Amino acid sequence: MSYEHADTIDIDASPDTVYAVVSDVTRTGEWSPICTGCWWDSGDEPGPDGPRVGAWFTGRNQTSTRTWDTRSLVDVAEPGREFAWLVSGKLVRWSYSLEPVGAGTRLTESWQFRDDGIAYFHEKYGDEAQAQITDRVEAANSGIPVTLERIKAVIEAAKA
């Protein structure tokens, strides 16, 4: 069994502009309700064309009860189309998909708690696994719309 959630927002900016923002993981703390910051792991900094598939970055996450870091692997890096990463290389998949809509962009943020992630949580948390999974599902379901609104605000404010 896997858990998934996605939401969409329209942004008054081109897909290339939106992609440049959402693929810059070092800016994630500007819009994420849980991730306070990200940085590229040594040697994996993006090149002149931006991030690349196979690059790793670390993210710092914080809630009212704990702080933790995750490492993520860039899975898709298609300028103007999609940016996606896998937490711990396989446990959870996050993505931003972009499509042109008039002069703007329809941005979709997707989250998938994959079978490997569920198995990992059962191994790590034992009897508490389902409660931990439920927490993550609720965080994604409530956080994605907030994230999208903040990304829209950041991008559209830069145009003003």
C-alpha atoms as a PDB file:
ATOM      1  CA  MET A   1       0.000   0.000   0.000  1.00  0.00           C
ATOM      2  CA  SER A   2       1.220   3.481  -0.752  1.00  0.00           C
ATOM      3  CA  TYR A   3      -0.052   6.913   0.169  1.00  0.00           C
ATOM      4  CA  GLU A   4      -0.243   9.776  -2.319  1.00  0.00           C
ATOM      5  CA  HIS A   5      -1.375  13.381  -2.446  1.00  0.00           C
ATOM      6  CA  ALA A   6      -1.170  16.165  -5.019  1.00  0.00           C
ATOM      7  CA  ASP A   7      -2.467  19.674  -5.428  1.00  0.00           C
ATOM      8  CA  THR A   8      -2.211  22.319  -8.134  1.00  0.00           C
ATOM      9  CA  ILE A   9      -1.975  26.090  -8.403  1.00  0.00           C
ATOM     10  CA  ASP A  10      -1.724  28.528 -11.321  1.00  0.00           C
ATOM     11  CA  ILE A  11       1.169  30.991 -11.235  1.00  0.00           C
ATOM     12  CA  ASP A  12       1.590  34.135 -13.312  1.00  0.00           C
ATOM     13  CA  ALA A  13       5.052  33.247 -14.629  1.00  0.00           C
ATOM     14  CA  SER A  14       6.543  31.068 -17.352  1.00  0.00           C
ATOM     15  CA  PRO A  15       7.305  27.370 -16.750  1.00  0.00           C
ATOM     16  CA  ASP A  16      11.032  28.134 -17.036  1.00  0.00           C
ATOM     17  CA  THR A  17      10.769  30.817 -14.344  1.00  0.00           C
ATOM     18  CA  VAL A  18       8.759  28.559 -12.032  1.00  0.00           C
ATOM     19  CA  TYR A  19      11.150  25.658 -12.631  1.00  0.00           C
ATOM     20  CA  ALA A  20      14.172  27.827 -11.785  1.00  0.00           C
ATOM     21  CA  VAL A  21      12.604  28.597  -8.412  1.00  0.00           C
ATOM     22  CA  VAL A  22      11.265  25.160  -7.399  1.00  0.00           C
ATOM     23  CA  SER A  23      14.400  23.322  -8.525  1.00  0.00           C
ATOM     24  CA  ASP A  24      16.620  25.564  -6.389  1.00  0.00           C
ATOM     25  CA  VAL A  25      16.461  23.379  -3.285  1.00  0.00           C
ATOM     26  CA  THR A  26      18.453  25.955  -1.316  1.00  0.00           C
ATOM     27  CA  ARG A  27      15.292  28.129  -1.345  1.00  0.00           C
ATOM     28  CA  THR A  28      12.931  25.452   0.039  1.00  0.00           C
ATOM     29  CA  GLY A  29      12.853  27.059   3.486  1.00  0.00           C
ATOM     30  CA  GLU A  30      11.121  30.083   1.924  1.00  0.00           C
ATOM     31  CA  TRP A  31       7.937  28.104   1.282  1.00  0.00           C
ATOM     32  CA  SER A  32       7.876  24.777   3.085  1.00  0.00           C
ATOM     33  CA  PRO A  33       5.965  24.556   6.373  1.00  0.00           C
ATOM     34  CA  ILE A  34       8.317  21.780   7.620  1.00  0.00           C
ATOM     35  CA  CYS A  35      11.577  21.924   5.659  1.00  0.00           C
ATOM     36  CA  THR A  36      13.552  24.863   7.052  1.00  0.00           C
ATOM     37  CA  GLY A  37      16.391  24.590   4.549  1.00  0.00           C
ATOM     38  CA  CYS A  38      18.254  22.445   2.037  1.00  0.00           C
ATOM     39  CA  TRP A  39      21.782  22.352   0.710  1.00  0.00           C
ATOM     40  CA  TRP A  40      23.522  20.404  -2.014  1.00  0.00           C
ATOM     41  CA  ASP A  41      25.784  17.649  -0.791  1.00  0.00           C
ATOM     42  CA  SER A  42      29.482  18.071  -1.519  1.00  0.00           C
ATOM     43  CA  GLY A  43      30.189  17.747  -5.229  1.00  0.00           C
ATOM     44  CA  ASP A  44      26.495  17.703  -6.189  1.00  0.00           C
ATOM     45  CA  GLU A  45      25.953  21.443  -6.626  1.00  0.00           C
ATOM     46  CA  PRO A  46      23.954  22.262  -9.764  1.00  0.00           C
ATOM     47  CA  GLY A  47      25.776  23.295 -12.886  1.00  0.00           C
ATOM     48  CA  PRO A  48      24.974  26.180 -15.228  1.00  0.00           C
ATOM     49  CA  ASP A  49      21.843  24.328 -16.415  1.00  0.00           C
ATOM     50  CA  GLY A  50      20.564  23.758 -12.879  1.00  0.00           C
ATOM     51  CA  PRO A  51      20.207  20.551 -10.887  1.00  0.00           C
ATOM     52  CA  ARG A  52      20.949  17.205 -12.464  1.00  0.00           C
ATOM     53  CA  VAL A  53      19.553  13.721 -12.084  1.00  0.00           C
ATOM     54  CA  GLY A  54      21.672  11.748  -9.626  1.00  0.00           C
ATOM     55  CA  ALA A  55      22.634  14.742  -7.467  1.00  0.00           C
ATOM     56  CA  TRP A  56      22.064  14.494  -3.695  1.00  0.00           C
ATOM     57  CA  PHE A  57      20.952  17.190  -1.276  1.00  0.00           C
ATOM     58  CA  THR A  58      20.235  17.333   2.440  1.00  0.00           C
ATOM     59  CA  GLY A  59      17.136  18.917   3.948  1.00  0.00           C
ATOM     60  CA  ARG A  60      16.542  20.022   7.525  1.00  0.00           C
ATOM     61  CA  ASN A  61      12.997  19.517   8.768  1.00  0.00           C
ATOM     62  CA  GLN A  62      11.394  20.846  11.900  1.00  0.00           C
ATOM     63  CA  THR A  63       8.078  20.434  13.685  1.00  0.00           C
ATOM     64  CA  SER A  64       7.049  21.504  17.171  1.00  0.00           C
ATOM     65  CA  THR A  65       8.300  18.172  18.552  1.00  0.00           C
ATOM     66  CA  ARG A  66      11.480  17.388  16.618  1.00  0.00           C
ATOM     67  CA  THR A  67      14.169  18.360  14.104  1.00  0.00           C
ATOM     68  CA  TRP A  68      15.702  15.919  11.612  1.00  0.00           C
ATOM     69  CA  ASP A  69      17.709  15.823   8.401  1.00  0.00           C
ATOM     70  CA  THR A  70      17.023  13.776   5.277  1.00  0.00           C
ATOM     71  CA  ARG A  71      19.130  13.120   2.201  1.00  0.00           C
ATOM     72  CA  SER A  72      17.394  13.159  -1.157  1.00  0.00           C
ATOM     73  CA  LEU A  73      18.323  12.066  -4.665  1.00  0.00           C
ATOM     74  CA  VAL A  74      17.259  14.114  -7.694  1.00  0.00           C
ATOM     75  CA  ASP A  75      15.114  11.761  -9.797  1.00  0.00           C
ATOM     76  CA  VAL A  76      13.921  14.097 -12.578  1.00  0.00           C
ATOM     77  CA  ALA A  77      15.359  17.460 -13.664  1.00  0.00           C
ATOM     78  CA  GLU A  78      13.596  18.622 -16.841  1.00  0.00           C
ATOM     79  CA  PRO A  79      13.664  22.433 -17.049  1.00  0.00           C
ATOM     80  CA  GLY A  80      10.208  23.894 -17.531  1.00  0.00           C
ATOM     81  CA  ARG A  81       8.550  20.475 -17.062  1.00  0.00           C
ATOM     82  CA  GLU A  82       9.368  18.565 -13.863  1.00  0.00           C
ATOM     83  CA  PHE A  83      11.654  18.474 -10.851  1.00  0.00           C
ATOM     84  CA  ALA A  84      11.453  15.426  -8.577  1.00  0.00           C
ATOM     85  CA  TRP A  85      13.451  13.809  -5.796  1.00  0.00           C
ATOM     86  CA  LEU A  86      13.456  10.647  -3.705  1.00  0.00           C
ATOM     87  CA  VAL A  87      13.953  10.906   0.053  1.00  0.00           C
ATOM     88  CA  SER A  88      16.733   8.488   1.050  1.00  0.00           C
ATOM     89  CA  GLY A  89      16.877   7.504  -2.613  1.00  0.00           C
ATOM     90  CA  LYS A  90      13.649   5.459  -2.487  1.00  0.00           C
ATOM     91  CA  LEU A  91      11.345   6.032   0.512  1.00  0.00           C
ATOM     92  CA  VAL A  92       9.203   9.028  -0.498  1.00  0.00           C
ATOM     93  CA  ARG A  93       8.888  10.754  -3.882  1.00  0.00           C
ATOM     94  CA  TRP A  94       8.202  14.475  -4.119  1.00  0.00           C
ATOM     95  CA  SER A  95       7.739  16.258  -7.441  1.00  0.00           C
ATOM     96  CA  TYR A  96       6.852  19.540  -9.041  1.00  0.00           C
ATOM     97  CA  SER A  97       5.243  19.167 -12.478  1.00  0.00           C
ATOM     98  CA  LEU A  98       4.763  22.235 -14.643  1.00  0.00           C
ATOM     99  CA  GLU A  99       2.558  22.891 -17.642  1.00  0.00           C
ATOM    100  CA  PRO A 100       1.980  26.104 -19.558  1.00  0.00           C
ATOM    101  CA  VAL A 101      -1.437  27.704 -19.071  1.00  0.00           C
ATOM    102  CA  GLY A 102      -1.854  30.826 -21.163  1.00  0.00           C
ATOM    103  CA  ALA A 103       1.048  33.108 -20.223  1.00  0.00           C
ATOM    104  CA  GLY A 104       1.485  31.346 -16.892  1.00  0.00           C
ATOM    105  CA  THR A 105       2.158  27.946 -15.378  1.00  0.00           C
ATOM    106  CA  ARG A 106       0.063  25.284 -13.697  1.00  0.00           C
ATOM    107  CA  LEU A 107       2.276  23.898 -10.933  1.00  0.00           C
ATOM    108  CA  THR A 108       1.416  20.535  -9.369  1.00  0.00           C
ATOM    109  CA  GLU A 109       3.166  19.317  -6.251  1.00  0.00           C
ATOM    110  CA  SER A 110       2.921  15.560  -5.718  1.00  0.00           C
ATOM    111  CA  TRP A 111       3.901  13.355  -2.812  1.00  0.00           C
ATOM    112  CA  GLN A 112       4.049   9.576  -2.695  1.00  0.00           C
ATOM    113  CA  PHE A 113       4.934   7.552   0.395  1.00  0.00           C
ATOM    114  CA  ARG A 114       6.292   4.505  -1.406  1.00  0.00           C
ATOM    115  CA  ASP A 115       6.215   0.854  -0.375  1.00  0.00           C
ATOM    116  CA  ASP A 116       9.913   1.003   0.565  1.00  0.00           C
ATOM    117  CA  GLY A 117       9.128   3.915   2.887  1.00  0.00           C
ATOM    118  CA  ILE A 118       6.257   2.108   4.527  1.00  0.00           C
ATOM    119  CA  ALA A 119       8.425  -0.980   5.082  1.00  0.00           C
ATOM    120  CA  TYR A 120      11.197   1.226   6.502  1.00  0.00           C
ATOM    121  CA  PHE A 121       8.773   2.868   8.945  1.00  0.00           C
ATOM    122  CA  HIS A 122       7.506  -0.512  10.132  1.00  0.00           C
ATOM    123  CA  GLU A 123      11.101  -1.639  10.685  1.00  0.00           C
ATOM    124  CA  LYS A 124      12.137   1.587  12.423  1.00  0.00           C
ATOM    125  CA  TYR A 125       9.030   2.301  14.525  1.00  0.00           C
ATOM    126  CA  GLY A 126       7.492  -1.145  15.105  1.00  0.00           C
ATOM    127  CA  ASP A 127       4.116  -0.801  16.811  1.00  0.00           C
ATOM    128  CA  GLU A 128       4.244   2.994  16.382  1.00  0.00           C
ATOM    129  CA  ALA A 129       4.729   2.766  12.593  1.00  0.00           C
ATOM    130  CA  GLN A 130       1.133   3.449  11.588  1.00  0.00           C
ATOM    131  CA  ALA A 131       0.927   6.500  13.855  1.00  0.00           C
ATOM    132  CA  GLN A 132       4.178   7.814  12.323  1.00  0.00           C
ATOM    133  CA  ILE A 133       2.886   7.151   8.795  1.00  0.00           C
ATOM    134  CA  THR A 134      -0.388   8.895   9.608  1.00  0.00           C
ATOM    135  CA  ASP A 135       1.564  11.932  10.855  1.00  0.00           C
ATOM    136  CA  ARG A 136       3.484  12.100   7.553  1.00  0.00           C
ATOM    137  CA  VAL A 137       0.315  11.709   5.489  1.00  0.00           C
ATOM    138  CA  GLU A 138      -1.406  14.511   7.421  1.00  0.00           C
ATOM    139  CA  ALA A 139       1.672  16.741   7.068  1.00  0.00           C
ATOM    140  CA  ALA A 140       1.744  16.230   3.290  1.00  0.00           C
ATOM    141  CA  ASN A 141      -1.998  16.723   2.884  1.00  0.00           C
ATOM    142  CA  SER A 142      -1.997  19.980   4.851  1.00  0.00           C
ATOM    143  CA  GLY A 143       1.456  21.188   3.767  1.00  0.00           C
ATOM    144  CA  ILE A 144       1.209  20.909  -0.005  1.00  0.00           C
ATOM    145  CA  PRO A 145      -1.478  23.607  -0.438  1.00  0.00           C
ATOM    146  CA  VAL A 146       0.447  25.926   1.911  1.00  0.00           C
ATOM    147  CA  THR A 147       3.666  25.297  -0.013  1.00  0.00           C
ATOM    148  CA  LEU A 148       2.030  26.010  -3.364  1.00  0.00           C
ATOM    149  CA  GLU A 149       0.503  29.278  -2.130  1.00  0.00           C
ATOM    150  CA  ARG A 150       3.893  30.383  -0.780  1.00  0.00           C
ATOM    151  CA  ILE A 151       5.717  29.462  -4.017  1.00  0.00           C
ATOM    152  CA  LYS A 152       3.141  31.465  -5.981  1.00  0.00           C
ATOM    153  CA  ALA A 153       3.613  34.455  -3.649  1.00  0.00           C
ATOM    154  CA  VAL A 154       7.427  34.304  -3.921  1.00  0.00           C
ATOM    155  CA  ILE A 155       7.418  34.098  -7.712  1.00  0.00           C
ATOM    156  CA  GLU A 156       4.726  36.691  -8.330  1.00  0.00           C
ATOM    157  CA  ALA A 157       6.277  39.131  -5.834  1.00  0.00           C
ATOM    158  CA  ALA A 158       9.564  38.898  -7.740  1.00  0.00           C
ATOM    159  CA  LYS A 159       7.732  39.997 -10.904  1.00  0.00           C
ATOM    160  CA  ALA A 160       6.200  43.052  -9.236  1.00  0.00           C
END
